[in-house]
Amino acid sequence: MRILLQRVQRAEVRIREETDEGPRERIAGKIDGGYLLLVGFTHTDTEREIEWMADKVLGLRLFPDADQKLNCDLGERGGALLVVSQFTLYADARKGRRPSFADAAKPELATPLYNRFVMYLKQRGVRVATGEFGAMMNVELVNDGPVTIWLEREAGASA
């Protein structure tokens, strides 16, 4: 499981849809401060990786305290999460010019993992907004800091 975490002042994800009246965009998810999580899964990910990663995200101290040191976590700041599925995090571009996505989990595995990850975060009392799994999305954000962290948890890894 891989996550690209960005601390944001605001973020939203929009989905373009074709209607009888023509194309239109709708906002699928929006937050006013917290973390944007771009989330990808691989074939061997399980419940164990999901829970570990959720706990890691919620426990990271990436917000400044009164002394401007990164000592506060998301809950202490009342922040929210915008969780967006991102299979391209598993792109392998070492050979050729077209990346391989062979390491990315197929939708039939990744969809329930993504839904479980979102549910686990919500159960922890955090406000969670989402994109839509498998949809073509436009993500807009104002990166705060900027603070951008790469998180990875290999299946079967010990705590």
N, C-alpha and C. Protein backbone atom coordinates (compact mmCIF):
# COMPACT_ATOMS: atom_id res chain seq x y z
N MET A 1 0.86 -1.18 0.00
CA MET A 1 0.00 0.00 0.00
C MET A 1 0.90 1.23 0.00
N ARG A 2 0.54 2.17 -0.83
CA ARG A 2 1.29 3.42 -0.93
C ARG A 2 0.35 4.61 -0.79
N ILE A 3 0.87 5.63 -0.12
CA ILE A 3 0.13 6.89 0.02
C ILE A 3 1.08 8.05 -0.22
N LEU A 4 0.63 8.98 -1.03
CA LEU A 4 1.29 10.27 -1.12
C LEU A 4 0.41 11.23 -0.32
N LEU A 5 0.93 11.69 0.81
CA LEU A 5 0.19 12.56 1.72
C LEU A 5 0.64 13.99 1.50
N GLN A 6 -0.31 14.88 1.33
CA GLN A 6 0.00 16.30 1.23
C GLN A 6 -0.83 17.05 2.25
N ARG A 7 -0.13 17.85 3.08
CA ARG A 7 -0.86 18.72 4.01
C ARG A 7 -1.39 19.88 3.18
N VAL A 8 -2.69 20.14 3.32
CA VAL A 8 -3.33 21.14 2.46
C VAL A 8 -4.11 22.17 3.27
N GLN A 9 -4.19 23.36 2.73
CA GLN A 9 -5.08 24.37 3.27
C GLN A 9 -6.51 24.11 2.82
N ARG A 10 -6.61 23.60 1.58
CA ARG A 10 -7.89 23.18 1.04
C ARG A 10 -7.63 22.24 -0.12
N ALA A 11 -8.61 21.38 -0.40
CA ALA A 11 -8.50 20.47 -1.54
C ALA A 11 -9.89 20.03 -1.94
N GLU A 12 -10.04 19.76 -3.23
CA GLU A 12 -11.30 19.21 -3.71
C GLU A 12 -11.04 18.34 -4.92
N VAL A 13 -11.96 17.42 -5.14
CA VAL A 13 -11.89 16.56 -6.31
C VAL A 13 -13.21 16.70 -7.06
N ARG A 14 -13.07 16.95 -8.37
CA ARG A 14 -14.23 17.13 -9.23
C ARG A 14 -14.25 16.02 -10.28
N ILE A 15 -15.44 15.65 -10.66
CA ILE A 15 -15.63 14.62 -11.67
C ILE A 15 -16.42 15.21 -12.83
N ARG A 16 -15.90 15.01 -14.03
CA ARG A 16 -16.59 15.50 -15.22
C ARG A 16 -17.56 14.42 -15.69
N GLU A 17 -18.79 14.84 -15.93
CA GLU A 17 -19.83 13.91 -16.38
C GLU A 17 -20.47 14.43 -17.65
N GLU A 18 -20.84 13.50 -18.49
CA GLU A 18 -21.60 13.85 -19.69
C GLU A 18 -23.08 13.73 -19.35
N THR A 19 -23.83 14.79 -19.63
CA THR A 19 -25.28 14.79 -19.39
C THR A 19 -25.99 15.08 -20.71
N ASP A 20 -27.30 14.99 -20.69
CA ASP A 20 -28.08 15.33 -21.89
C ASP A 20 -27.86 16.77 -22.31
N GLU A 21 -27.56 17.63 -21.34
CA GLU A 21 -27.31 19.05 -21.62
C GLU A 21 -25.85 19.33 -21.97
N GLY A 22 -25.02 18.30 -21.96
CA GLY A 22 -23.60 18.48 -22.24
C GLY A 22 -22.76 18.16 -21.01
N PRO A 23 -21.45 18.37 -21.12
CA PRO A 23 -20.57 18.04 -20.00
C PRO A 23 -20.75 18.99 -18.83
N ARG A 24 -20.61 18.45 -17.63
CA ARG A 24 -20.63 19.29 -16.43
C ARG A 24 -19.70 18.66 -15.41
N GLU A 25 -19.25 19.47 -14.47
CA GLU A 25 -18.41 18.97 -13.39
C GLU A 25 -19.19 19.04 -12.08
N ARG A 26 -18.94 18.04 -11.24
CA ARG A 26 -19.52 18.08 -9.91
C ARG A 26 -18.42 17.80 -8.90
N ILE A 27 -18.55 18.38 -7.73
CA ILE A 27 -17.58 18.16 -6.66
C ILE A 27 -17.93 16.85 -5.96
N ALA A 28 -16.98 15.93 -5.95
CA ALA A 28 -17.19 14.64 -5.28
C ALA A 28 -16.78 14.73 -3.82
N GLY A 29 -15.73 15.47 -3.52
CA GLY A 29 -15.24 15.62 -2.16
C GLY A 29 -14.47 16.91 -2.00
N LYS A 30 -14.52 17.47 -0.78
CA LYS A 30 -13.88 18.76 -0.55
C LYS A 30 -13.53 18.88 0.93
N ILE A 31 -12.34 19.42 1.23
CA ILE A 31 -11.98 19.71 2.61
C ILE A 31 -11.39 21.12 2.69
N ASP A 32 -11.46 21.71 3.86
CA ASP A 32 -10.93 23.05 4.07
C ASP A 32 -9.61 23.06 4.82
N GLY A 33 -9.03 21.92 5.09
CA GLY A 33 -7.72 21.86 5.73
C GLY A 33 -7.50 20.47 6.27
N GLY A 34 -6.28 19.98 6.12
CA GLY A 34 -5.95 18.65 6.60
C GLY A 34 -4.98 17.99 5.65
N TYR A 35 -5.29 16.73 5.26
CA TYR A 35 -4.43 15.98 4.36
C TYR A 35 -5.20 15.52 3.13
N LEU A 36 -4.54 15.67 1.98
CA LEU A 36 -4.97 15.01 0.77
C LEU A 36 -4.17 13.72 0.70
N LEU A 37 -4.86 12.58 0.59
CA LEU A 37 -4.20 11.28 0.50
C LEU A 37 -4.45 10.69 -0.88
N LEU A 38 -3.39 10.52 -1.66
CA LEU A 38 -3.47 9.77 -2.91
C LEU A 38 -3.08 8.35 -2.53
N VAL A 39 -3.97 7.38 -2.73
CA VAL A 39 -3.83 6.04 -2.18
C VAL A 39 -3.81 5.00 -3.29
N GLY A 40 -2.79 4.13 -3.24
CA GLY A 40 -2.68 3.03 -4.20
C GLY A 40 -2.49 1.70 -3.49
N PHE A 41 -2.98 0.65 -4.12
CA PHE A 41 -2.90 -0.70 -3.54
C PHE A 41 -2.20 -1.63 -4.51
N THR A 42 -1.57 -2.66 -3.95
CA THR A 42 -0.95 -3.71 -4.75
C THR A 42 -1.63 -5.04 -4.44
N HIS A 43 -1.24 -6.08 -5.16
CA HIS A 43 -1.92 -7.38 -5.10
C HIS A 43 -1.91 -8.04 -3.73
N THR A 44 -0.91 -7.77 -2.93
CA THR A 44 -0.75 -8.49 -1.67
C THR A 44 -1.28 -7.72 -0.46
N ASP A 45 -1.88 -6.55 -0.68
CA ASP A 45 -2.39 -5.76 0.44
C ASP A 45 -3.58 -6.45 1.10
N THR A 46 -3.64 -6.29 2.42
CA THR A 46 -4.71 -6.89 3.23
C THR A 46 -5.20 -5.88 4.25
N GLU A 47 -6.11 -6.34 5.10
CA GLU A 47 -6.63 -5.53 6.21
C GLU A 47 -5.49 -5.02 7.10
N ARG A 48 -4.49 -5.82 7.27
CA ARG A 48 -3.36 -5.45 8.13
C ARG A 48 -2.67 -4.19 7.63
N GLU A 49 -2.42 -4.10 6.33
CA GLU A 49 -1.78 -2.91 5.76
C GLU A 49 -2.69 -1.69 5.88
N ILE A 50 -3.97 -1.90 5.66
CA ILE A 50 -4.92 -0.79 5.74
C ILE A 50 -4.94 -0.19 7.14
N GLU A 51 -5.05 -1.03 8.15
CA GLU A 51 -5.12 -0.53 9.53
C GLU A 51 -3.81 0.15 9.94
N TRP A 52 -2.68 -0.46 9.56
CA TRP A 52 -1.39 0.14 9.90
C TRP A 52 -1.26 1.52 9.26
N MET A 53 -1.63 1.61 7.98
CA MET A 53 -1.48 2.87 7.26
C MET A 53 -2.42 3.94 7.81
N ALA A 54 -3.64 3.56 8.12
CA ALA A 54 -4.59 4.53 8.69
C ALA A 54 -4.07 5.05 10.02
N ASP A 55 -3.58 4.16 10.87
CA ASP A 55 -3.03 4.59 12.15
C ASP A 55 -1.82 5.49 11.96
N LYS A 56 -0.98 5.18 10.98
CA LYS A 56 0.19 5.99 10.70
C LYS A 56 -0.22 7.40 10.26
N VAL A 57 -1.16 7.48 9.31
CA VAL A 57 -1.62 8.79 8.82
C VAL A 57 -2.19 9.62 9.97
N LEU A 58 -3.04 9.02 10.78
CA LEU A 58 -3.69 9.76 11.86
C LEU A 58 -2.73 10.14 12.98
N GLY A 59 -1.64 9.40 13.13
CA GLY A 59 -0.70 9.68 14.20
C GLY A 59 0.44 10.61 13.83
N LEU A 60 0.63 10.86 12.53
CA LEU A 60 1.73 11.73 12.12
C LEU A 60 1.55 13.14 12.66
N ARG A 61 2.62 13.68 13.18
CA ARG A 61 2.59 15.05 13.71
C ARG A 61 3.18 15.98 12.65
N LEU A 62 2.30 16.52 11.83
CA LEU A 62 2.73 17.34 10.70
C LEU A 62 2.19 18.76 10.74
N PHE A 63 1.61 19.14 11.87
CA PHE A 63 1.11 20.50 12.03
C PHE A 63 1.92 21.22 13.10
N PRO A 64 2.18 22.51 12.91
CA PRO A 64 3.02 23.23 13.87
C PRO A 64 2.30 23.50 15.19
N ASP A 65 3.11 23.49 16.27
CA ASP A 65 2.61 23.90 17.58
C ASP A 65 2.89 25.40 17.74
N ALA A 66 2.76 25.90 18.95
CA ALA A 66 2.96 27.33 19.22
C ALA A 66 4.39 27.77 18.90
N ASP A 67 5.35 26.84 18.96
CA ASP A 67 6.75 27.15 18.67
C ASP A 67 7.12 26.87 17.21
N GLN A 68 6.11 26.59 16.40
CA GLN A 68 6.28 26.30 14.97
C GLN A 68 7.05 25.00 14.71
N LYS A 69 7.02 24.09 15.67
CA LYS A 69 7.59 22.75 15.48
C LYS A 69 6.46 21.81 15.08
N LEU A 70 6.75 20.84 14.24
CA LEU A 70 5.72 19.90 13.79
C LEU A 70 5.43 18.90 14.91
N ASN A 71 4.55 19.30 15.82
CA ASN A 71 4.23 18.50 17.01
C ASN A 71 2.75 18.16 17.13
N CYS A 72 1.92 18.60 16.21
CA CYS A 72 0.47 18.36 16.32
C CYS A 72 0.01 17.42 15.21
N ASP A 73 -0.90 16.52 15.57
CA ASP A 73 -1.45 15.61 14.57
C ASP A 73 -2.75 16.16 14.01
N LEU A 74 -3.32 15.44 13.09
CA LEU A 74 -4.54 15.88 12.40
C LEU A 74 -5.68 16.14 13.36
N GLY A 75 -5.88 15.23 14.31
CA GLY A 75 -6.97 15.37 15.28
C GLY A 75 -6.81 16.60 16.16
N GLU A 76 -5.59 16.90 16.56
CA GLU A 76 -5.34 18.07 17.41
C GLU A 76 -5.64 19.36 16.67
N ARG A 77 -5.55 19.34 15.35
CA ARG A 77 -5.83 20.53 14.55
C ARG A 77 -7.24 20.55 13.99
N GLY A 78 -8.00 19.48 14.23
CA GLY A 78 -9.36 19.44 13.71
C GLY A 78 -9.42 19.34 12.20
N GLY A 79 -8.39 18.75 11.62
CA GLY A 79 -8.30 18.64 10.17
C GLY A 79 -9.14 17.49 9.62
N ALA A 80 -9.28 17.49 8.32
CA ALA A 80 -10.06 16.47 7.61
C ALA A 80 -9.15 15.77 6.60
N LEU A 81 -9.68 14.72 6.00
CA LEU A 81 -8.96 13.96 4.98
C LEU A 81 -9.74 13.96 3.68
N LEU A 82 -9.03 14.12 2.57
CA LEU A 82 -9.60 13.88 1.25
C LEU A 82 -8.83 12.69 0.69
N VAL A 83 -9.52 11.56 0.51
CA VAL A 83 -8.89 10.31 0.10
C VAL A 83 -9.25 10.03 -1.35
N VAL A 84 -8.21 9.90 -2.20
CA VAL A 84 -8.40 9.73 -3.63
C VAL A 84 -7.64 8.48 -4.08
N SER A 85 -8.34 7.56 -4.73
CA SER A 85 -7.68 6.36 -5.25
C SER A 85 -6.72 6.75 -6.37
N GLN A 86 -5.56 6.08 -6.41
CA GLN A 86 -4.51 6.47 -7.35
C GLN A 86 -3.66 5.26 -7.73
N PHE A 87 -4.14 4.44 -8.65
CA PHE A 87 -3.40 3.24 -9.03
C PHE A 87 -2.05 3.56 -9.64
N THR A 88 -1.89 4.77 -10.18
CA THR A 88 -0.64 5.13 -10.83
C THR A 88 0.52 5.26 -9.85
N LEU A 89 0.26 5.22 -8.55
CA LEU A 89 1.35 5.21 -7.57
C LEU A 89 2.20 3.94 -7.72
N TYR A 90 1.65 2.92 -8.36
CA TYR A 90 2.39 1.68 -8.59
C TYR A 90 2.97 1.60 -10.01
N ALA A 91 3.12 2.73 -10.67
CA ALA A 91 3.72 2.75 -12.00
C ALA A 91 5.19 2.37 -11.93
N ASP A 92 5.62 1.57 -12.88
CA ASP A 92 7.03 1.22 -13.02
C ASP A 92 7.49 1.78 -14.36
N ALA A 93 8.30 2.83 -14.30
CA ALA A 93 8.74 3.51 -15.52
C ALA A 93 10.23 3.30 -15.76
N ARG A 94 10.80 2.23 -15.21
CA ARG A 94 12.23 1.99 -15.38
C ARG A 94 12.60 1.62 -16.80
N LYS A 95 11.70 0.98 -17.52
CA LYS A 95 11.99 0.54 -18.89
C LYS A 95 11.05 1.24 -19.86
N GLY A 96 11.58 1.61 -20.99
CA GLY A 96 10.75 2.18 -22.05
C GLY A 96 10.15 3.53 -21.68
N ARG A 97 9.13 3.91 -22.44
CA ARG A 97 8.49 5.20 -22.23
C ARG A 97 7.06 5.08 -21.75
N ARG A 98 6.53 3.87 -21.73
CA ARG A 98 5.16 3.66 -21.25
C ARG A 98 5.26 2.90 -19.92
N PRO A 99 4.81 3.50 -18.82
CA PRO A 99 4.91 2.82 -17.52
C PRO A 99 4.07 1.54 -17.50
N SER A 100 4.55 0.59 -16.73
CA SER A 100 3.79 -0.62 -16.46
C SER A 100 3.02 -0.42 -15.15
N PHE A 101 1.80 -0.89 -15.13
CA PHE A 101 1.00 -0.82 -13.90
C PHE A 101 0.71 -2.21 -13.36
N ALA A 102 1.58 -3.17 -13.69
CA ALA A 102 1.39 -4.56 -13.30
C ALA A 102 1.36 -4.75 -11.79
N ASP A 103 2.03 -3.88 -11.04
CA ASP A 103 2.05 -4.01 -9.57
C ASP A 103 0.82 -3.41 -8.90
N ALA A 104 0.01 -2.67 -9.63
CA ALA A 104 -1.21 -2.09 -9.07
C ALA A 104 -2.28 -3.17 -8.97
N ALA A 105 -3.00 -3.17 -7.86
CA ALA A 105 -4.10 -4.13 -7.68
C ALA A 105 -5.19 -3.85 -8.70
N LYS A 106 -5.80 -4.91 -9.20
CA LYS A 106 -6.93 -4.78 -10.11
C LYS A 106 -8.13 -4.23 -9.33
N PRO A 107 -9.06 -3.57 -10.02
CA PRO A 107 -10.20 -2.96 -9.34
C PRO A 107 -10.98 -3.91 -8.42
N GLU A 108 -11.11 -5.18 -8.80
CA GLU A 108 -11.89 -6.10 -7.96
C GLU A 108 -11.23 -6.34 -6.60
N LEU A 109 -9.94 -6.14 -6.49
CA LEU A 109 -9.25 -6.22 -5.20
C LEU A 109 -9.12 -4.84 -4.57
N ALA A 110 -8.75 -3.85 -5.38
CA ALA A 110 -8.47 -2.51 -4.85
C ALA A 110 -9.73 -1.79 -4.35
N THR A 111 -10.86 -1.99 -5.00
CA THR A 111 -12.08 -1.28 -4.58
C THR A 111 -12.47 -1.61 -3.15
N PRO A 112 -12.57 -2.89 -2.76
CA PRO A 112 -12.91 -3.15 -1.35
C PRO A 112 -11.83 -2.69 -0.38
N LEU A 113 -10.56 -2.74 -0.78
CA LEU A 113 -9.49 -2.23 0.09
C LEU A 113 -9.63 -0.73 0.30
N TYR A 114 -9.90 -0.01 -0.78
CA TYR A 114 -10.10 1.44 -0.69
C TYR A 114 -11.30 1.75 0.21
N ASN A 115 -12.41 1.07 -0.01
CA ASN A 115 -13.61 1.32 0.80
C ASN A 115 -13.36 1.01 2.27
N ARG A 116 -12.62 -0.06 2.55
CA ARG A 116 -12.32 -0.42 3.93
C ARG A 116 -11.40 0.61 4.57
N PHE A 117 -10.43 1.12 3.82
CA PHE A 117 -9.53 2.15 4.33
C PHE A 117 -10.31 3.40 4.72
N VAL A 118 -11.21 3.84 3.83
CA VAL A 118 -12.04 5.01 4.12
C VAL A 118 -12.91 4.76 5.35
N MET A 119 -13.53 3.59 5.43
CA MET A 119 -14.38 3.26 6.57
C MET A 119 -13.58 3.25 7.88
N TYR A 120 -12.38 2.69 7.85
CA TYR A 120 -11.55 2.64 9.04
C TYR A 120 -11.21 4.05 9.51
N LEU A 121 -10.87 4.95 8.59
CA LEU A 121 -10.57 6.33 8.96
C LEU A 121 -11.80 7.00 9.58
N LYS A 122 -12.96 6.79 8.99
CA LYS A 122 -14.19 7.39 9.53
C LYS A 122 -14.50 6.85 10.92
N GLN A 123 -14.26 5.56 11.14
CA GLN A 123 -14.50 4.96 12.45
C GLN A 123 -13.60 5.56 13.52
N ARG A 124 -12.50 6.13 13.11
CA ARG A 124 -11.58 6.76 14.05
C ARG A 124 -12.00 8.20 14.37
N GLY A 125 -13.13 8.63 13.83
CA GLY A 125 -13.68 9.93 14.19
C GLY A 125 -13.20 11.10 13.35
N VAL A 126 -12.56 10.83 12.24
CA VAL A 126 -12.05 11.90 11.38
C VAL A 126 -13.07 12.17 10.28
N ARG A 127 -13.21 13.44 9.90
CA ARG A 127 -14.06 13.77 8.76
C ARG A 127 -13.31 13.38 7.50
N VAL A 128 -13.96 12.57 6.67
CA VAL A 128 -13.32 12.04 5.46
C VAL A 128 -14.20 12.35 4.25
N ALA A 129 -13.58 12.99 3.27
CA ALA A 129 -14.22 13.18 1.97
C ALA A 129 -13.45 12.31 0.98
N THR A 130 -14.09 11.95 -0.12
CA THR A 130 -13.45 11.06 -1.08
C THR A 130 -13.69 11.51 -2.51
N GLY A 131 -12.87 10.94 -3.36
CA GLY A 131 -13.15 10.97 -4.79
C GLY A 131 -14.04 9.79 -5.08
N GLU A 132 -14.03 9.32 -6.33
CA GLU A 132 -14.79 8.13 -6.69
C GLU A 132 -13.83 7.13 -7.33
N PHE A 133 -13.80 5.95 -6.76
CA PHE A 133 -12.87 4.93 -7.23
C PHE A 133 -13.09 4.68 -8.72
N GLY A 134 -12.01 4.73 -9.48
CA GLY A 134 -12.05 4.42 -10.91
C GLY A 134 -12.50 5.55 -11.81
N ALA A 135 -12.96 6.65 -11.25
CA ALA A 135 -13.43 7.77 -12.07
C ALA A 135 -12.25 8.63 -12.53
N MET A 136 -12.43 9.33 -13.64
CA MET A 136 -11.47 10.34 -14.06
C MET A 136 -11.76 11.58 -13.21
N MET A 137 -10.77 11.99 -12.45
CA MET A 137 -10.98 13.07 -11.48
C MET A 137 -10.02 14.22 -11.71
N ASN A 138 -10.47 15.41 -11.41
CA ASN A 138 -9.61 16.59 -11.35
C ASN A 138 -9.44 16.93 -9.88
N VAL A 139 -8.20 16.94 -9.44
CA VAL A 139 -7.90 17.23 -8.04
C VAL A 139 -7.25 18.60 -7.97
N GLU A 140 -7.81 19.45 -7.13
CA GLU A 140 -7.27 20.79 -6.94
C GLU A 140 -6.90 20.93 -5.47
N LEU A 141 -5.72 21.50 -5.21
CA LEU A 141 -5.29 21.65 -3.83
C LEU A 141 -4.42 22.87 -3.66
N VAL A 142 -4.39 23.35 -2.42
CA VAL A 142 -3.42 24.35 -2.00
C VAL A 142 -2.56 23.65 -0.96
N ASN A 143 -1.33 23.31 -1.38
CA ASN A 143 -0.40 22.59 -0.51
C ASN A 143 0.06 23.53 0.59
N ASP A 144 0.03 23.06 1.81
CA ASP A 144 0.37 23.87 2.98
C ASP A 144 1.77 23.55 3.43
N GLY A 145 2.68 24.47 3.26
CA GLY A 145 4.04 24.27 3.72
C GLY A 145 5.07 24.58 2.65
N PRO A 146 5.23 23.75 1.67
CA PRO A 146 4.52 22.50 1.42
C PRO A 146 5.06 21.36 2.29
N VAL A 147 4.13 20.52 2.69
CA VAL A 147 4.47 19.28 3.40
C VAL A 147 3.92 18.13 2.57
N THR A 148 4.84 17.31 2.05
CA THR A 148 4.47 16.15 1.24
C THR A 148 5.28 14.96 1.74
N ILE A 149 4.58 13.86 2.07
CA ILE A 149 5.21 12.68 2.65
C ILE A 149 4.82 11.45 1.84
N TRP A 150 5.81 10.60 1.54
CA TRP A 150 5.58 9.32 0.87
C TRP A 150 5.51 8.25 1.95
N LEU A 151 4.40 7.50 1.97
CA LEU A 151 4.23 6.40 2.93
C LEU A 151 4.06 5.10 2.17
N GLU A 152 4.73 4.07 2.65
CA GLU A 152 4.61 2.77 2.00
C GLU A 152 4.61 1.69 3.07
N ARG A 153 3.76 0.70 2.85
CA ARG A 153 3.67 -0.45 3.76
C ARG A 153 3.61 -1.69 2.89
N GLU A 154 4.65 -2.50 2.96
CA GLU A 154 4.67 -3.75 2.20
C GLU A 154 3.89 -4.80 2.96
N ALA A 155 3.15 -5.60 2.26
CA ALA A 155 2.37 -6.67 2.87
C ALA A 155 3.28 -7.57 3.68
N GLY A 156 2.82 -7.89 4.89
CA GLY A 156 3.56 -8.78 5.76
C GLY A 156 4.67 -8.11 6.54
N ALA A 157 4.86 -6.79 6.36
CA ALA A 157 5.91 -6.08 7.10
C ALA A 157 5.56 -6.04 8.58
N SER A 158 6.56 -6.10 9.41
CA SER A 158 6.30 -6.01 10.84
C SER A 158 6.18 -4.56 11.26
N ALA A 159 5.48 -4.33 12.36
CA ALA A 159 5.26 -2.96 12.84
C ALA A 159 6.57 -2.33 13.17
